[in-house]
């Protein structure tokens, strides 16, 4: 209970300190120290009546002490005397109607600053907004804790060097910065949904954290159709989590999943969000991806899937977001509608894109389509090539099993 509460309170506490004092990196360190103090004291002394105000007060003292040690005593005391936390900091972290304050959104925007690499944006978002510890993030991303700590430290210094301030984006750059936040949450979820490496196919805690942050963003920006579309996409995709692995953790492809194990409440929520977002008539890539996920979720059996509708959605998505991953998925849908040869022809266009060089999914899709087209030798070679390129153990094992099945085909 205490751990969940601290994780929930971490972002508004950090936001309050950064808004009041600036110094994002020092504020983040002071917030972490206050969280550690709370984790130690609250189980013994009890949770205070206003835990958020308690954390802000403790973190503020740590921050003031740190700033005093870095600058002259008289200058720092004179500056900080006027900045002692006032009573208004004990106000709730949300508005009266339950809507989060803009501080969390501003914090998300700050963590997704364009001066940072995507890897740094993800790490800093999980630390500052997600409330995860450095050790938790390192485990989730499968990198050494020391490496992750250096990544976060460099990210904070880059924000400082860039002169970023804790303030909402201007009207001119609002859309671009919000799109960056959506992209980072999407990347966090993808890593949780299908881990790029390691023994586990999924990291459900990471996926769940992305959904929690997407909910926060949607509540803060309820009129943004793409924020709603992203949340819908994550819910509809995460709804399949229980059916995606077998008893031994092995990968179960979509066509073979037991759909009775899908989370129907999450599906219903996702479809409801998507319907409302599409009604605004401002379609974007996340809404279209959510519509594709919804089409899959509404098929009682794999053979009931409306592939022509899905192919049409992929063609629309390609016009909105022309990238090779979309083309790769469109090749699968094309094969389901027009036959594997048509899918293979489209797949050939992906090979020329340098962004897909060495990507195991290109070989995996080609193997699947060759298998369907009756080319077992080609399928086996591509399955094995894909298995060599992935760092995910469940994906590698699945691809090798598929290679074995293809090898058993007549002529193989």
Protein backbone atom coordinates (compact mmCIF):
# COMPACT_ATOMS: atom_id res chain seq x y z
CA UNK A 1 0.00 0.00 0.00
CA UNK A 2 2.79 2.44 0.98
CA UNK A 3 4.77 1.60 -2.17
CA UNK A 4 1.76 2.23 -4.42
CA UNK A 5 1.01 5.52 -2.67
CA UNK A 6 4.60 6.71 -3.00
CA UNK A 7 4.67 5.85 -6.68
CA UNK A 8 1.46 7.82 -7.19
CA UNK A 9 2.75 10.82 -5.26
CA UNK A 10 6.23 10.98 -6.77
CA UNK A 11 5.29 12.91 -9.95
CA UNK A 12 3.23 15.68 -8.30
CA UNK A 13 5.86 16.14 -5.59
CA UNK A 14 8.65 16.45 -8.15
CA UNK A 15 6.46 18.75 -10.25
CA UNK A 16 5.74 20.99 -7.26
CA UNK A 17 9.43 21.30 -6.39
CA UNK A 18 10.53 21.94 -9.95
CA UNK A 19 7.80 24.51 -10.51
CA UNK A 20 8.73 26.33 -7.30
CA UNK A 21 12.54 26.14 -7.41
CA UNK A 22 13.57 25.14 -10.92
CA UNK A 23 16.71 22.94 -10.82
CA UNK A 24 15.06 19.80 -12.20
CA UNK A 25 18.00 17.52 -11.46
CA UNK A 26 18.39 18.66 -7.84
CA UNK A 27 14.61 18.56 -7.35
CA UNK A 28 14.50 14.98 -8.62
CA UNK A 29 17.26 13.93 -6.21
CA UNK A 30 15.50 15.62 -3.29
CA UNK A 31 12.21 13.95 -4.21
CA UNK A 32 13.88 10.53 -4.24
CA UNK A 33 15.39 11.20 -0.82
CA UNK A 34 11.96 12.16 0.54
CA UNK A 35 10.45 8.97 -0.90
CA UNK A 36 13.14 6.89 0.78
CA UNK A 37 12.46 8.68 4.08
CA UNK A 38 8.74 8.00 3.73
CA UNK A 39 9.30 4.33 2.88
CA UNK A 40 11.34 4.03 6.06
CA UNK A 41 9.21 6.08 8.45
CA UNK A 42 5.60 5.59 7.38
CA UNK A 43 5.40 1.83 8.04
CA UNK A 44 6.54 2.55 11.61
CA UNK A 45 4.93 5.93 12.37
CA UNK A 46 1.90 5.68 10.10
CA UNK A 47 0.98 7.56 6.94
CA UNK A 48 0.53 11.29 7.67
CA UNK A 49 -2.84 12.95 7.17
CA UNK A 50 -1.54 14.76 4.11
CA UNK A 51 1.21 12.55 2.63
CA UNK A 52 1.78 14.79 -0.36
CA UNK A 53 2.44 17.84 1.80
CA UNK A 54 4.75 15.73 4.02
CA UNK A 55 6.82 14.66 1.03
CA UNK A 56 7.01 18.16 -0.37
CA UNK A 57 8.09 19.56 2.97
CA UNK A 58 10.83 16.96 3.46
CA UNK A 59 12.01 17.21 -0.15
CA UNK A 60 12.05 21.00 0.05
CA UNK A 61 14.28 20.92 3.11
CA UNK A 62 16.68 18.55 1.35
CA UNK A 63 16.68 20.72 -1.76
CA UNK A 64 17.24 23.94 0.18
CA UNK A 65 20.12 22.35 2.07
CA UNK A 66 21.67 21.19 -1.19
CA UNK A 67 21.32 24.56 -2.87
CA UNK A 68 22.75 26.30 0.18
CA UNK A 69 25.82 24.10 0.01
CA UNK A 70 26.37 24.98 -3.64
CA UNK A 71 26.13 28.76 -3.38
CA UNK A 72 27.06 31.35 -0.80
CA UNK A 73 25.18 30.98 2.47
CA UNK A 74 23.87 34.55 2.55
CA UNK A 75 22.66 34.60 -1.06
CA UNK A 76 20.95 31.25 -0.77
CA UNK A 77 19.31 32.04 2.57
CA UNK A 78 18.00 35.34 1.23
CA UNK A 79 16.59 33.66 -1.88
CA UNK A 80 15.10 30.67 -0.14
CA UNK A 81 13.56 32.65 2.71
CA UNK A 82 10.91 33.85 0.31
CA UNK A 83 10.38 30.39 -1.13
CA UNK A 84 9.56 28.26 1.91
CA UNK A 85 6.66 25.99 0.96
CA UNK A 86 3.38 27.66 1.77
CA UNK A 87 0.08 26.14 2.83
CA UNK A 88 -1.23 25.91 -0.70
CA UNK A 89 1.21 23.06 -1.35
CA UNK A 90 -0.91 20.82 0.84
CA UNK A 91 -3.73 21.08 -1.69
CA UNK A 92 -4.72 17.91 -3.51
CA UNK A 93 -2.67 16.84 -6.52
CA UNK A 94 -5.81 17.01 -8.64
CA UNK A 95 -8.54 19.49 -9.29
CA UNK A 96 -11.88 19.22 -7.51
CA UNK A 97 -13.35 17.11 -10.30
CA UNK A 98 -10.50 14.62 -10.09
CA UNK A 99 -8.65 15.89 -13.17
CA UNK A 100 -4.86 15.90 -12.64
CA UNK A 101 -3.21 19.29 -12.54
CA UNK A 102 -1.15 20.35 -15.54
CA UNK A 103 2.02 19.77 -13.51
CA UNK A 104 2.16 16.09 -14.43
CA UNK A 105 1.73 16.87 -18.11
CA UNK A 106 4.40 19.57 -17.89
CA UNK A 107 6.70 17.04 -16.21
CA UNK A 108 6.05 14.56 -19.03
CA UNK A 109 6.85 17.25 -21.60
CA UNK A 110 10.06 18.14 -19.76
CA UNK A 111 11.17 14.49 -19.66
CA UNK A 112 10.50 14.21 -23.40
CA UNK A 113 12.65 17.21 -24.26
CA UNK A 114 13.91 17.08 -27.88
CA UNK A 115 17.51 17.41 -26.69
CA UNK A 116 17.29 13.86 -25.31
CA UNK A 117 17.58 10.58 -27.15
CA UNK A 118 14.51 8.29 -27.09
CA UNK A 119 16.32 5.95 -24.68
CA UNK A 120 16.99 8.83 -22.29
CA UNK A 121 13.42 10.11 -22.63
CA UNK A 122 12.08 6.68 -21.67
CA UNK A 123 14.40 6.30 -18.69
CA UNK A 124 13.75 9.81 -17.38
CA UNK A 125 9.98 9.48 -17.83
CA UNK A 126 9.91 6.20 -15.91
CA UNK A 127 12.02 7.70 -13.13
CA UNK A 128 10.45 11.15 -12.77
CA UNK A 129 6.84 10.56 -13.80
CA UNK A 130 6.48 6.83 -13.28
CA UNK A 131 8.13 6.93 -9.88
CA UNK A 132 10.22 3.83 -10.59
CA UNK A 133 13.60 3.48 -8.94
CA UNK A 134 16.77 3.30 -10.98
CA UNK A 135 17.08 -0.41 -10.13
CA UNK A 136 13.49 -1.09 -11.27
CA UNK A 137 14.01 0.70 -14.58
CA UNK A 138 17.31 -1.09 -15.16
CA UNK A 139 15.61 -4.45 -14.62
CA UNK A 140 12.70 -3.50 -16.87
CA UNK A 141 14.97 -2.35 -19.70
CA UNK A 142 17.55 -5.10 -19.12
CA UNK A 143 20.51 -2.77 -18.77
CA UNK A 144 23.04 -2.59 -15.92
CA UNK A 145 21.94 -0.32 -13.09
CA UNK A 146 25.13 1.74 -13.38
CA UNK A 147 24.49 2.28 -17.09
CA UNK A 148 20.91 3.33 -16.43
CA UNK A 149 22.01 5.72 -13.66
CA UNK A 150 24.49 7.36 -16.03
CA UNK A 151 21.80 7.65 -18.71
CA UNK A 152 19.44 9.42 -16.31
CA UNK A 153 22.20 11.68 -15.02
CA UNK A 154 23.20 12.69 -18.55
CA UNK A 155 19.56 13.32 -19.43
CA UNK A 156 19.12 15.69 -16.50
CA UNK A 157 22.28 17.57 -17.40
CA UNK A 158 21.19 17.88 -21.02
CA UNK A 159 17.88 19.37 -19.91
CA UNK A 160 19.79 21.81 -17.75
CA UNK A 161 22.24 22.71 -20.53
CA UNK A 162 19.33 23.21 -22.94
CA UNK A 163 17.89 25.81 -20.59
CA UNK A 164 14.57 23.98 -20.32
CA UNK A 165 12.18 25.49 -17.80
CA UNK A 166 9.35 23.88 -15.92
CA UNK A 167 6.49 25.42 -17.81
CA UNK A 168 3.79 24.19 -20.20
CA UNK A 169 4.71 24.16 -23.90
CA UNK A 170 3.88 27.28 -25.83
CA UNK A 171 0.97 27.30 -28.25
CA UNK A 172 3.46 27.11 -31.14
CA UNK A 173 5.16 23.89 -30.01
CA UNK A 174 2.29 22.31 -28.06
CA UNK A 175 1.40 19.72 -30.71
CA UNK A 176 5.00 18.66 -31.35
CA UNK A 177 5.80 18.26 -27.67
CA UNK A 178 2.59 16.38 -26.95
CA UNK A 179 3.33 14.06 -29.88
CA UNK A 180 6.74 13.39 -28.32
CA UNK A 181 5.08 12.43 -25.03
CA UNK A 182 2.69 10.09 -26.82
CA UNK A 183 5.58 8.48 -28.67
CA UNK A 184 7.57 7.86 -25.50
CA UNK A 185 4.57 6.27 -23.76
CA UNK A 186 4.04 4.13 -26.87
CA UNK A 187 7.68 2.97 -26.78
CA UNK A 188 7.47 2.17 -23.06
CA UNK A 189 4.37 0.09 -23.65
CA UNK A 190 5.89 -1.74 -26.61
CA UNK A 191 8.89 -2.78 -24.53
CA UNK A 192 6.53 -4.10 -21.88
CA UNK A 193 4.23 -5.81 -24.37
CA UNK A 194 7.01 -7.60 -26.25
CA UNK A 195 10.41 -7.35 -24.59
CA UNK A 196 13.24 -6.84 -27.07
CA UNK A 197 15.47 -9.25 -25.16
CA UNK A 198 15.52 -11.65 -22.25
CA UNK A 199 13.75 -14.79 -21.11
CA UNK A 200 10.25 -13.32 -20.74
CA UNK A 201 8.03 -12.38 -23.66
CA UNK A 202 6.23 -9.66 -21.69
CA UNK A 203 6.98 -7.25 -18.86
CA UNK A 204 3.46 -6.57 -17.72
CA UNK A 205 4.52 -4.10 -15.03
CA UNK A 206 6.16 -1.89 -17.65
CA UNK A 207 3.13 -2.12 -19.94
CA UNK A 208 0.82 -1.34 -17.01
CA UNK A 209 2.93 1.72 -16.13
CA UNK A 210 2.62 3.02 -19.69
CA UNK A 211 -1.17 2.60 -19.45
CA UNK A 212 -1.24 4.44 -16.12
CA UNK A 213 0.70 7.36 -17.58
CA UNK A 214 -1.48 7.36 -20.71
CA UNK A 215 -4.54 7.59 -18.44
CA UNK A 216 -2.98 10.54 -16.66
CA UNK A 217 -2.31 12.25 -19.97
CA UNK A 218 -5.84 11.56 -21.23
CA UNK A 219 -7.38 12.99 -18.06
CA UNK A 220 -5.21 16.08 -18.38
CA UNK A 221 -6.06 16.49 -22.08
CA UNK A 222 -9.52 14.92 -22.50
CA UNK A 223 -10.19 16.74 -25.77
CA UNK A 224 -7.06 15.45 -27.51
CA UNK A 225 -8.20 12.68 -29.86
CA UNK A 226 -4.73 11.15 -30.22
CA UNK A 227 -4.20 10.97 -26.44
CA UNK A 228 -7.48 9.04 -26.25
CA UNK A 229 -6.44 6.96 -29.24
CA UNK A 230 -3.17 5.98 -27.61
CA UNK A 231 -4.87 4.93 -24.39
CA UNK A 232 -7.42 2.92 -26.39
CA UNK A 233 -4.63 1.22 -28.34
CA UNK A 234 -2.74 0.26 -25.18
CA UNK A 235 -5.85 -1.10 -23.48
CA UNK A 236 -6.96 -3.12 -26.50
CA UNK A 237 -3.48 -4.57 -26.96
CA UNK A 238 -2.84 -5.27 -23.27
CA UNK A 239 -6.21 -7.03 -23.06
CA UNK A 240 -4.59 -10.01 -24.83
CA UNK A 241 -1.72 -10.39 -22.37
CA UNK A 242 -2.99 -13.53 -20.57
CA UNK A 243 -3.43 -15.43 -23.83
CA UNK A 244 -0.10 -14.48 -25.39
CA UNK A 245 1.97 -17.07 -23.55
CA UNK A 246 1.53 -20.75 -22.84
CA UNK A 247 2.11 -22.63 -19.56
CA UNK A 248 5.88 -22.55 -20.02
CA UNK A 249 6.04 -18.91 -21.08
CA UNK A 250 6.16 -19.80 -24.76
CA UNK A 251 4.83 -17.35 -27.34
CA UNK A 252 1.29 -17.96 -28.59
CA UNK A 253 0.56 -16.07 -31.85
CA UNK A 254 -2.63 -14.07 -32.24
CA UNK A 255 -4.31 -16.64 -34.50
CA UNK A 256 -3.82 -19.41 -31.91
CA UNK A 257 -4.78 -17.52 -28.77
CA UNK A 258 -7.64 -18.59 -26.52
CA UNK A 259 -9.82 -15.51 -26.90
CA UNK A 260 -11.86 -16.36 -23.83
CA UNK A 261 -8.80 -15.30 -21.84
CA UNK A 262 -8.82 -11.79 -23.28
CA UNK A 263 -9.72 -9.06 -20.80
CA UNK A 264 -13.17 -8.03 -22.05
CA UNK A 265 -13.44 -5.09 -19.65
CA UNK A 266 -10.27 -3.61 -21.11
CA UNK A 267 -11.59 -4.27 -24.62
CA UNK A 268 -14.86 -2.51 -23.81
CA UNK A 269 -13.06 0.48 -22.33
CA UNK A 270 -10.72 0.69 -25.30
CA UNK A 271 -13.53 0.52 -27.85
CA UNK A 272 -15.52 3.17 -25.94
CA UNK A 273 -12.52 5.53 -25.87
CA UNK A 274 -11.83 4.92 -29.55
CA UNK A 275 -15.43 5.55 -30.57
CA UNK A 276 -15.44 8.89 -28.77
CA UNK A 277 -12.06 9.86 -30.25
CA UNK A 278 -13.05 9.02 -33.83
CA UNK A 279 -16.24 11.04 -33.42
CA UNK A 280 -14.05 14.16 -33.21
CA UNK A 281 -13.11 13.56 -36.87
CA UNK A 282 -9.42 14.25 -36.30
CA UNK A 283 -7.97 10.82 -37.09
CA UNK A 284 -4.34 10.19 -36.24
CA UNK A 285 -1.95 7.22 -36.26
CA UNK A 286 -2.78 6.08 -32.72
CA UNK A 287 -6.50 6.14 -33.37
CA UNK A 288 -6.05 4.08 -36.55
CA UNK A 289 -3.82 1.56 -34.77
CA UNK A 290 -6.45 1.33 -32.04
CA UNK A 291 -9.10 0.71 -34.70
CA UNK A 292 -7.01 -2.17 -36.04
CA UNK A 293 -6.67 -3.63 -32.53
CA UNK A 294 -10.43 -3.20 -32.03
CA UNK A 295 -11.13 -5.08 -35.25
CA UNK A 296 -9.09 -8.01 -33.96
CA UNK A 297 -10.76 -7.87 -30.55
CA UNK A 298 -14.24 -8.02 -32.01
CA UNK A 299 -13.60 -11.28 -33.92
CA UNK A 300 -14.84 -14.22 -31.84
CA UNK A 301 -12.48 -16.54 -33.74
CA UNK A 302 -9.36 -15.90 -35.79
CA UNK A 303 -11.18 -17.00 -38.93
CA UNK A 304 -13.86 -14.36 -38.26
CA UNK A 305 -11.35 -11.50 -38.54
CA UNK A 306 -12.43 -8.83 -41.01
CA UNK A 307 -9.15 -8.67 -42.93
CA UNK A 308 -10.42 -6.42 -45.76
CA UNK A 309 -11.40 -3.83 -43.13
CA UNK A 310 -8.02 -4.18 -41.41
CA UNK A 311 -6.20 -3.83 -44.73
CA UNK A 312 -8.12 -0.63 -45.43
CA UNK A 313 -7.09 0.71 -42.03
CA UNK A 314 -3.44 -0.12 -42.70
CA UNK A 315 -3.64 1.71 -46.03
CA UNK A 316 -5.02 4.75 -44.20
CA UNK A 317 -2.32 4.42 -41.53
CA UNK A 318 0.34 4.31 -44.24
CA UNK A 319 -0.90 7.66 -45.55
CA UNK A 320 -0.82 9.18 -42.07
CA UNK A 321 2.44 7.62 -40.89
CA UNK A 322 4.51 6.23 -43.74
CA UNK A 323 7.14 4.02 -42.15
CA UNK A 324 8.45 0.50 -42.86
CA UNK A 325 6.87 -1.06 -39.78
CA UNK A 326 3.44 -0.07 -41.08
CA UNK A 327 4.35 -1.53 -44.47
CA UNK A 328 5.46 -4.74 -42.78
CA UNK A 329 2.11 -5.12 -41.04
CA UNK A 330 0.26 -4.12 -44.19
CA UNK A 331 2.05 -6.93 -46.03
CA UNK A 332 0.50 -9.43 -43.60
CA UNK A 333 -2.97 -7.96 -44.08
CA UNK A 334 -2.47 -7.91 -47.84
CA UNK A 335 -1.54 -11.60 -47.79
CA UNK A 336 -4.68 -12.41 -45.79
CA UNK A 337 -6.87 -10.64 -48.37
CA UNK A 338 -5.07 -11.15 -51.69
CA UNK A 339 -2.82 -14.15 -51.03
CA UNK A 340 0.76 -14.64 -49.79
CA UNK A 341 2.36 -13.72 -53.13
CA UNK A 342 0.82 -10.23 -52.94
CA UNK A 343 2.09 -9.87 -49.39
CA UNK A 344 5.59 -10.96 -50.41
CA UNK A 345 5.64 -8.42 -53.23
CA UNK A 346 4.84 -5.63 -50.78
CA UNK A 347 7.40 -6.98 -48.34
CA UNK A 348 10.12 -6.53 -50.95
CA UNK A 349 9.72 -2.75 -50.58
CA UNK A 350 10.66 -2.99 -46.90
CA UNK A 351 14.03 -4.61 -47.60
CA UNK A 352 15.31 -1.43 -49.25
CA UNK A 353 14.66 0.67 -46.14
CA UNK A 354 17.85 1.00 -44.05
CA UNK A 355 15.77 1.40 -40.89
CA UNK A 356 14.83 -2.28 -41.12
CA UNK A 357 18.32 -3.65 -41.71
CA UNK A 358 18.83 -6.66 -39.44
CA UNK A 359 15.27 -6.47 -38.06
CA UNK A 360 14.20 -10.01 -37.24
CA UNK A 361 10.52 -9.27 -37.88
CA UNK A 362 11.12 -8.76 -41.61
CA UNK A 363 12.57 -12.26 -41.88
CA UNK A 364 9.82 -13.65 -39.63
CA UNK A 365 7.02 -12.21 -41.77
CA UNK A 366 8.73 -13.36 -44.96
CA UNK A 367 9.06 -16.86 -43.51
CA UNK A 368 5.38 -16.92 -42.60
CA UNK A 369 4.32 -15.82 -46.07
CA UNK A 370 6.70 -18.25 -47.79
CA UNK A 371 5.30 -21.01 -45.60
CA UNK A 372 1.77 -20.12 -46.72
CA UNK A 373 2.90 -19.86 -50.34
CA UNK A 374 4.19 -23.45 -50.28
CA UNK A 375 7.94 -22.71 -50.23
CA UNK A 376 9.15 -24.76 -47.24
CA UNK A 377 12.87 -24.38 -47.97
CA UNK A 378 12.60 -20.62 -48.18
CA UNK A 379 10.44 -20.52 -45.06
CA UNK A 380 12.91 -22.59 -43.03
CA UNK A 381 15.82 -20.36 -44.05
CA UNK A 382 13.93 -17.19 -43.13
CA UNK A 383 12.65 -18.58 -39.82
CA UNK A 384 16.18 -19.51 -38.84
CA UNK A 385 17.51 -16.13 -39.94
CA UNK A 386 14.86 -14.40 -37.83
CA UNK A 387 15.70 -16.60 -34.84
CA UNK A 388 19.36 -15.62 -35.09
CA UNK A 389 18.51 -11.91 -35.12
CA UNK A 390 16.21 -11.68 -32.10
CA UNK A 391 17.45 -11.33 -28.53
CA UNK A 392 14.10 -12.48 -27.12
CA UNK A 393 14.22 -16.10 -25.96
CA UNK A 394 10.46 -16.78 -26.41
CA UNK A 395 10.51 -15.29 -29.90
CA UNK A 396 13.62 -17.26 -30.84
CA UNK A 397 12.11 -20.51 -29.58
CA UNK A 398 8.86 -19.86 -31.43
CA UNK A 399 10.67 -19.12 -34.69
CA UNK A 400 12.73 -22.29 -34.40
CA UNK A 401 9.57 -24.32 -33.76
CA UNK A 402 8.03 -22.79 -36.87
CA UNK A 403 11.16 -23.67 -38.83
CA UNK A 404 10.74 -27.25 -37.69
CA UNK A 405 7.10 -27.30 -38.80
CA UNK A 406 7.99 -25.82 -42.17
CA UNK A 407 10.77 -28.35 -42.56
CA UNK A 408 8.18 -31.09 -42.23
CA UNK A 409 6.16 -29.84 -45.18
CA UNK A 410 6.13 -31.93 -48.35
CA UNK A 411 9.27 -31.11 -50.29
CA UNK A 412 11.03 -29.80 -47.18
